[in-house]
C-alpha atoms as a PDB file:
ATOM      1  CA  MET A   1      87.587 173.070 190.551  1.00  0.00           C
ATOM      2  CA  SER A   2      89.514 172.422 193.127  1.00  0.00           C
ATOM      3  CA  ARG A   3      93.264 172.019 191.941  1.00  0.00           C
ATOM      4  CA  ASP A   4      93.357 168.984 192.854  1.00  0.00           C
ATOM      5  CA  PHE A   5      89.943 167.732 190.956  1.00  0.00           C
ATOM      6  CA  ALA A   6      91.376 169.475 187.984  1.00  0.00           C
ATOM      7  CA  ARG A   7      95.046 167.580 188.304  1.00  0.00           C
ATOM      8  CA  PHE A   8      92.800 164.335 188.528  1.00  0.00           C
ATOM      9  CA  THR A   9      91.001 165.153 185.139  1.00  0.00           C
ATOM     10  CA  SER A  10      93.627 166.848 183.221  1.00  0.00           C
ATOM     11  CA  LEU A  11      96.162 163.771 183.893  1.00  0.00           C
ATOM     12  CA  PHE A  12      92.662 160.974 183.269  1.00  0.00           C
ATOM     13  CA  LEU A  13      92.167 162.394 179.578  1.00  0.00           C
ATOM     14  CA  THR A  14      95.613 162.527 179.019  1.00  0.00           C
ATOM     15  CA  VAL A  15      96.009 158.766 179.692  1.00  0.00           C
ATOM     16  CA  ALA A  16      92.442 158.060 178.019  1.00  0.00           C
ATOM     17  CA  LEU A  17      93.795 160.283 174.897  1.00  0.00           C
ATOM     18  CA  PHE A  18      96.948 157.921 174.463  1.00  0.00           C
ATOM     19  CA  MET A  19      95.327 154.779 175.029  1.00  0.00           C
ATOM     20  CA  GLY A  20      92.950 156.306 172.225  1.00  0.00           C
ATOM     21  CA  THR A  21      95.102 156.721 170.089  1.00  0.00           C
ATOM     22  CA  LEU A  22      97.281 153.203 170.265  1.00  0.00           C
ATOM     23  CA  MET A  23      93.795 151.227 169.823  1.00  0.00           C
ATOM     24  CA  PRO A  24      94.591 148.973 166.738  1.00  0.00           C
ATOM     25  CA  GLY A  25      92.968 150.168 163.791  1.00  0.00           C
ATOM     26  CA  SER A  26      90.237 147.219 163.702  1.00  0.00           C
ATOM     27  CA  TRP A  27      89.601 147.987 167.430  1.00  0.00           C
ATOM     28  CA  LYS A  28      88.530 151.850 166.527  1.00  0.00           C
ATOM     29  CA  ASN A  29      86.608 150.449 163.552  1.00  0.00           C
ATOM     30  CA  ALA A  30      84.514 147.945 165.433  1.00  0.00           C
ATOM     31  CA  ALA A  31      83.797 150.515 167.843  1.00  0.00           C
ATOM     32  CA  LEU A  32      82.257 152.989 164.966  1.00  0.00           C
ATOM     33  CA  GLN A  33      80.385 150.180 162.878  1.00  0.00           C
ATOM     34  CA  PRO A  34      77.156 150.323 164.510  1.00  0.00           C
ATOM     35  CA  LEU A  35      77.121 153.963 164.900  1.00  0.00           C
ATOM     36  CA  PRO A  36      75.270 155.989 162.005  1.00  0.00           C
ATOM     37  CA  ALA A  37      77.071 157.209 159.317  1.00  0.00           C
ATOM     38  CA  SER A  38      76.507 160.662 159.997  1.00  0.00           C
ATOM     39  CA  ILE A  39      77.983 160.606 163.703  1.00  0.00           C
ATOM     40  CA  HIS A  40      81.700 161.223 163.429  1.00  0.00           C
ATOM     41  CA  PRO A  41      82.270 160.100 167.229  1.00  0.00           C
ATOM     42  CA  ALA A  42      86.591 160.178 166.437  1.00  0.00           C
ATOM     43  CA  ALA A  43      86.638 163.663 165.520  1.00  0.00           C
ATOM     44  CA  LEU A  44      84.004 164.752 168.393  1.00  0.00           C
ATOM     45  CA  ALA A  45      85.937 162.506 170.539  1.00  0.00           C
ATOM     46  CA  HIS A  46      88.839 164.473 169.519  1.00  0.00           C
ATOM     47  CA  ILE A  47      87.345 168.023 169.886  1.00  0.00           C
ATOM     48  CA  ALA A  48      85.645 166.544 173.794  1.00  0.00           C
ATOM     49  CA  LEU A  49      89.333 165.627 174.429  1.00  0.00           C
ATOM     50  CA  PHE A  50      91.190 168.550 174.031  1.00  0.00           C
ATOM     51  CA  ALA A  51      88.505 171.100 174.721  1.00  0.00           C
ATOM     52  CA  ALA A  52      88.367 169.445 178.356  1.00  0.00           C
ATOM     53  CA  ILE A  53      92.330 168.809 178.620  1.00  0.00           C
ATOM     54  CA  CYS A  54      92.930 172.429 178.027  1.00  0.00           C
ATOM     55  CA  PHE A  55      89.793 173.581 179.874  1.00  0.00           C
ATOM     56  CA  THR A  56      91.078 171.722 183.056  1.00  0.00           C
ATOM     57  CA  VAL A  57      95.348 172.187 182.558  1.00  0.00           C
ATOM     58  CA  PRO A  58      95.380 175.726 183.851  1.00  0.00           C
ATOM     59  CA  PRO A  59      93.235 175.491 187.593  1.00  0.00           C
ATOM     60  CA  ALA A  60      95.139 172.523 187.555  1.00  0.00           C
ATOM     61  CA  GLN A  61      98.471 174.477 188.222  1.00  0.00           C
ATOM     62  CA  PHE A  62     101.187 171.620 187.362  1.00  0.00           C
ATOM     63  CA  TRP A  63     103.418 174.736 186.412  1.00  0.00           C
ATOM     64  CA  ARG A  64     102.477 178.439 185.926  1.00  0.00           C
ATOM     65  CA  VAL A  65     100.187 178.826 183.596  1.00  0.00           C
ATOM     66  CA  ARG A  66     100.502 181.743 180.751  1.00  0.00           C
ATOM     67  CA  PRO A  67      96.904 181.945 178.532  1.00  0.00           C
ATOM     68  CA  TRP A  68      99.607 180.797 175.532  1.00  0.00           C
ATOM     69  CA  HIS A  69     100.888 177.611 177.069  1.00  0.00           C
ATOM     70  CA  VAL A  70      97.387 176.523 177.148  1.00  0.00           C
ATOM     71  CA  LEU A  71      96.857 176.226 172.769  1.00  0.00           C
ATOM     72  CA  VAL A  72     100.590 175.204 172.713  1.00  0.00           C
ATOM     73  CA  LEU A  73      99.830 172.534 175.090  1.00  0.00           C
ATOM     74  CA  GLY A  74      97.073 171.610 172.247  1.00  0.00           C
ATOM     75  CA  LEU A  75      99.223 171.874 169.822  1.00  0.00           C
ATOM     76  CA  VAL A  76     102.128 169.579 171.106  1.00  0.00           C
ATOM     77  CA  LEU A  77      99.591 166.732 172.057  1.00  0.00           C
ATOM     78  CA  ALA A  78      98.130 167.126 169.208  1.00  0.00           C
ATOM     79  CA  LEU A  79     101.163 166.620 166.430  1.00  0.00           C
ATOM     80  CA  LEU A  80     102.348 164.228 169.344  1.00  0.00           C
ATOM     81  CA  THR A  81      99.319 161.607 168.884  1.00  0.00           C
ATOM     82  CA  GLU A  82      98.748 162.158 165.253  1.00  0.00           C
ATOM     83  CA  GLY A  83     102.495 161.454 165.259  1.00  0.00           C
ATOM     84  CA  LEU A  84     102.405 158.371 167.762  1.00  0.00           C
ATOM     85  CA  GLN A  85      99.995 156.898 165.055  1.00  0.00           C
ATOM     86  CA  PHE A  86     103.028 155.629 162.526  1.00  0.00           C
ATOM     87  CA  VAL A  87     103.654 152.924 165.197  1.00  0.00           C
ATOM     88  CA  ALA A  88      99.877 151.982 166.265  1.00  0.00           C
ATOM     89  CA  ILE A  89      98.761 149.061 164.359  1.00  0.00           C
ATOM     90  CA  ASP A  90      96.326 149.666 161.559  1.00  0.00           C
ATOM     91  CA  ARG A  91      96.140 153.280 161.725  1.00  0.00           C
ATOM     92  CA  HIS A  92      97.881 156.793 159.716  1.00  0.00           C
ATOM     93  CA  PRO A  93      97.995 159.488 161.146  1.00  0.00           C
ATOM     94  CA  ASN A  94      96.580 162.960 159.134  1.00  0.00           C
ATOM     95  CA  LEU A  95      96.297 166.066 159.299  1.00  0.00           C
ATOM     96  CA  ASP A  96      92.114 166.527 160.275  1.00  0.00           C
ATOM     97  CA  GLY A  97      93.322 165.215 163.268  1.00  0.00           C
ATOM     98  CA  VAL A  98      95.100 167.711 164.630  1.00  0.00           C
ATOM     99  CA  ALA A  99      92.486 170.427 163.043  1.00  0.00           C
ATOM    100  CA  GLN A 100      90.084 168.825 165.207  1.00  0.00           C
ATOM    101  CA  ASP A 101      91.997 168.757 168.429  1.00  0.00           C
ATOM    102  CA  MET A 102      92.782 172.616 167.737  1.00  0.00           C
ATOM    103  CA  ILE A 103      89.156 173.007 167.298  1.00  0.00           C
ATOM    104  CA  GLY A 104      88.783 171.277 170.778  1.00  0.00           C
ATOM    105  CA  ALA A 105      91.141 173.197 172.268  1.00  0.00           C
ATOM    106  CA  PHE A 106      90.885 176.431 171.028  1.00  0.00           C
ATOM    107  CA  MET A 107      87.136 175.877 172.759  1.00  0.00           C
ATOM    108  CA  GLY A 108      89.095 174.271 175.831  1.00  0.00           C
ATOM    109  CA  TRP A 109      90.653 177.681 176.048  1.00  0.00           C
ATOM    110  CA  ALA A 110      87.776 179.528 175.657  1.00  0.00           C
ATOM    111  CA  LEU A 111      86.146 178.495 178.193  1.00  0.00           C
ATOM    112  CA  GLY A 112      88.566 178.768 180.388  1.00  0.00           C
ATOM    113  CA  ARG A 113      88.809 182.540 179.750  1.00  0.00           C
ATOM    114  CA  CYS A 114      85.822 182.611 180.206  1.00  0.00           C
ATOM    115  CA  ARG A 115      86.030 180.962 183.238  1.00  0.00           C
ATOM    116  CA  ASP A 116      88.552 183.077 184.859  1.00  0.00           C
ATOM    117  CA  GLY A 117      86.826 186.405 184.024  1.00  0.00           C
END
């Protein structure tokens, strides 16, 4: 993955994360309503976004990324996005979201470690 593509991808996904975080609760509920109850797309979105962000940050080389930086970045983003839900309309932060985010961050970190060899 080229550095420019990794930078674009990680920034795009981070913007998407913040847009989803600040989406009003009524919009989120309307988007989830047509889906089967057995699928939890919000949890899948948390995991997939954090996995992709944490996978693309090291090759993006915004700074000299150490392996532990990726997991700390995941935790900071998880806490920040959950905290922002205090100001989003009809949204409420919870620790489930942080746990889902960290599962995704760990997955992205592990995949990145496999990629790096």
